[in-house]
Amino acid sequence: MAKKTPRTLIVCVSRHRGNTLKIASALAEVLSADLISPAEFSPELATSYDLLGFGSGVYRQHLDSKIREAVSWLSKDYQKPVFIFSTSASGIKEPHQDLKAHFNEMNYPLIGEFSCRGRMTYGLLKFFGGINPTRPNASDLDAAAFFAQELLANPLFKKID
């Protein structure tokens, strides 16, 4: 019997420069995932997927409130794997902490996190070309694709029968 790829849904907010959407698209390509906005997300929709990914740019050291709200809609009964990704001026993962704490509290298996630098032109920085003007770049997109391949190899997300 042929194995099929588990269904993956990526919920993404990319507000300003499209940085996070570029990463989400790279992930979706490898994972053969559906890519939606938080406005399209519902707990009922989530139940038809085997893996959920949540991604956003980082705004004032936090992921977008719409992503945090979408995650809060999941019930405690949702016990399938999840992952987090983000883009930020610094490329750090600390803004993932809110979602990680929620996933831990609800016993959702977090199988990975990805973060990379993204272009920022907020405030006065826009007059100077911003920070990371060429990011995410091809190397970042390759890293996102590699991350997606690692998700596929995770024992909690092996190909299903």
Protein backbone atom coordinates (compact mmCIF):
# COMPACT_ATOMS: atom_id res chain seq x y z
CA MET A 1 0.00 0.00 0.00
CA ALA A 2 1.38 3.42 -0.96
CA LYS A 3 2.03 5.90 1.80
CA LYS A 4 0.55 9.36 1.61
CA THR A 5 2.00 12.56 2.93
CA PRO A 6 0.27 13.82 6.08
CA ARG A 7 -1.85 16.90 5.55
CA THR A 8 -0.15 20.09 6.73
CA LEU A 9 -1.66 23.50 7.36
CA ILE A 10 0.43 26.65 7.79
CA VAL A 11 -1.19 29.71 9.36
CA CYS A 12 0.82 32.83 8.63
CA VAL A 13 0.76 36.59 9.19
CA SER A 14 3.14 38.70 7.11
CA ARG A 15 2.20 42.34 7.67
CA HIS A 16 4.79 44.62 6.14
CA ARG A 17 7.43 43.39 3.73
CA GLY A 18 6.29 39.83 2.98
CA ASN A 19 9.30 38.39 4.83
CA THR A 20 7.36 35.76 6.74
CA LEU A 21 5.23 34.86 3.73
CA LYS A 22 8.44 34.03 1.79
CA ILE A 23 9.48 31.63 4.56
CA ALA A 24 5.95 30.19 4.82
CA SER A 25 5.93 29.57 1.07
CA ALA A 26 9.28 27.76 1.23
CA LEU A 27 7.96 25.57 4.06
CA ALA A 28 4.68 24.94 2.26
CA GLU A 29 6.46 23.81 -0.89
CA VAL A 30 8.46 21.12 0.90
CA LEU A 31 5.56 20.05 3.13
CA SER A 32 2.92 20.22 0.35
CA ALA A 33 1.04 22.37 2.85
CA ASP A 34 -1.99 24.57 2.58
CA LEU A 35 -1.16 28.17 3.52
CA ILE A 36 -3.79 30.44 5.07
CA SER A 37 -4.19 33.59 7.14
CA PRO A 38 -5.50 33.53 10.72
CA ALA A 39 -8.81 34.94 9.44
CA GLU A 40 -9.31 31.70 7.49
CA PHE A 41 -8.36 29.45 10.42
CA SER A 42 -10.79 27.60 12.67
CA PRO A 43 -10.47 24.78 15.20
CA GLU A 44 -12.75 22.66 13.00
CA LEU A 45 -10.42 23.16 10.04
CA ALA A 46 -7.42 22.18 12.16
CA THR A 47 -8.85 18.75 12.92
CA SER A 48 -8.54 17.73 9.25
CA TYR A 49 -4.75 18.24 9.29
CA ASP A 50 -1.93 16.10 10.68
CA LEU A 51 0.50 18.97 11.33
CA LEU A 52 -0.05 22.66 12.01
CA GLY A 53 2.50 25.44 11.59
CA PHE A 54 2.10 28.96 12.94
CA GLY A 55 4.27 31.83 11.71
CA SER A 56 4.53 35.57 11.96
CA GLY A 57 6.86 38.46 11.86
CA VAL A 58 8.08 39.69 15.22
CA TYR A 59 6.58 42.97 16.31
CA ARG A 60 7.86 44.58 19.51
CA GLN A 61 9.33 41.24 20.64
CA HIS A 62 6.08 39.29 20.09
CA LEU A 63 4.49 37.26 17.34
CA ASP A 64 1.45 38.89 15.77
CA SER A 65 -1.63 38.89 18.03
CA LYS A 66 -3.68 37.21 15.28
CA ILE A 67 -1.38 34.17 15.39
CA ARG A 68 -1.56 34.05 19.18
CA GLU A 69 -5.36 34.27 18.96
CA ALA A 70 -5.58 31.49 16.34
CA VAL A 71 -3.49 29.20 18.55
CA SER A 72 -5.72 29.95 21.53
CA TRP A 73 -8.72 28.60 19.59
CA LEU A 74 -7.31 25.07 19.48
CA SER A 75 -8.94 22.76 21.98
CA LYS A 76 -7.11 20.61 24.48
CA ASP A 77 -8.27 17.64 22.40
CA TYR A 78 -6.03 18.67 19.49
CA GLN A 79 -3.03 16.42 20.11
CA LYS A 80 -1.29 16.56 16.73
CA PRO A 81 2.20 18.00 16.12
CA VAL A 82 2.75 21.73 15.72
CA PHE A 83 5.66 23.99 14.73
CA ILE A 84 6.49 27.69 14.94
CA PHE A 85 8.39 29.99 12.59
CA SER A 86 9.13 33.69 12.44
CA THR A 87 11.14 36.46 10.84
CA SER A 88 12.57 39.41 12.73
CA ALA A 89 15.27 42.01 12.54
CA SER A 90 17.36 39.93 14.96
CA GLY A 91 16.38 36.39 13.90
CA ILE A 92 15.97 35.28 17.53
CA LYS A 93 13.43 32.73 18.77
CA GLU A 94 12.55 34.36 22.11
CA PRO A 95 9.25 35.70 20.72
CA HIS A 96 8.13 32.07 20.33
CA GLN A 97 7.93 31.70 24.11
CA ASP A 98 4.23 32.64 24.38
CA LEU A 99 3.20 29.98 21.87
CA LYS A 100 5.60 27.41 23.32
CA ALA A 101 4.10 27.92 26.78
CA HIS A 102 0.59 27.51 25.40
CA PHE A 103 1.54 24.38 23.44
CA ASN A 104 3.18 22.93 26.56
CA GLU A 105 0.17 23.74 28.73
CA MET A 106 -2.20 22.11 26.23
CA ASN A 107 0.11 19.12 25.61
CA TYR A 108 0.49 19.77 21.88
CA PRO A 109 3.72 18.16 20.63
CA LEU A 110 5.97 21.00 19.42
CA ILE A 111 8.27 19.38 16.86
CA GLY A 112 10.28 22.37 15.71
CA GLU A 113 10.98 26.08 15.55
CA PHE A 114 12.51 28.18 12.81
CA SER A 115 13.52 31.82 12.81
CA CYS A 116 15.54 33.99 10.47
CA ARG A 117 16.31 37.60 9.89
CA GLY A 118 13.94 39.74 7.88
CA ARG A 119 14.01 43.24 6.50
CA MET A 120 12.81 45.89 8.93
CA THR A 121 12.02 49.45 7.94
CA TYR A 122 10.15 50.59 11.02
CA GLY A 123 10.25 54.19 12.22
CA LEU A 124 13.31 56.24 11.34
CA LEU A 125 15.07 53.18 9.95
CA LYS A 126 13.05 53.51 6.74
CA PHE A 127 15.01 56.68 5.89
CA PHE A 128 18.29 54.74 6.07
CA GLY A 129 17.26 51.64 4.12
CA GLY A 130 16.27 49.68 7.19
CA ILE A 131 17.90 46.66 8.78
CA ASN A 132 18.67 43.46 6.82
CA PRO A 133 17.63 44.94 3.45
CA THR A 134 18.25 41.69 1.55
CA ARG A 135 16.67 39.26 4.02
CA PRO A 136 15.24 36.74 3.90
CA ASN A 137 17.62 35.72 1.14
CA ALA A 138 18.20 32.51 -0.82
CA SER A 139 20.23 31.06 2.03
CA ASP A 140 17.36 31.72 4.47
CA LEU A 141 14.87 30.07 2.10
CA ASP A 142 17.18 27.06 1.78
CA ALA A 143 17.40 26.88 5.59
CA ALA A 144 13.60 26.98 5.80
CA ALA A 145 13.35 24.14 3.26
CA PHE A 146 15.88 22.12 5.27
CA PHE A 147 13.85 22.78 8.44
CA ALA A 148 10.74 21.48 6.65
CA GLN A 149 12.62 18.32 5.66
CA GLU A 150 13.61 17.85 9.31
CA LEU A 151 9.93 18.14 10.27
CA LEU A 152 9.10 15.38 7.81
CA ALA A 153 11.79 13.19 9.38
CA ASN A 154 10.50 13.77 12.93
CA PRO A 155 9.12 10.53 14.42
CA LEU A 156 5.90 12.34 15.34
CA PHE A 157 5.40 13.33 11.71
CA LYS A 158 6.43 10.31 9.70
CA LYS A 159 4.58 9.45 6.54
CA ILE A 160 1.28 7.84 7.39
CA ASP A 161 -0.44 4.83 5.84
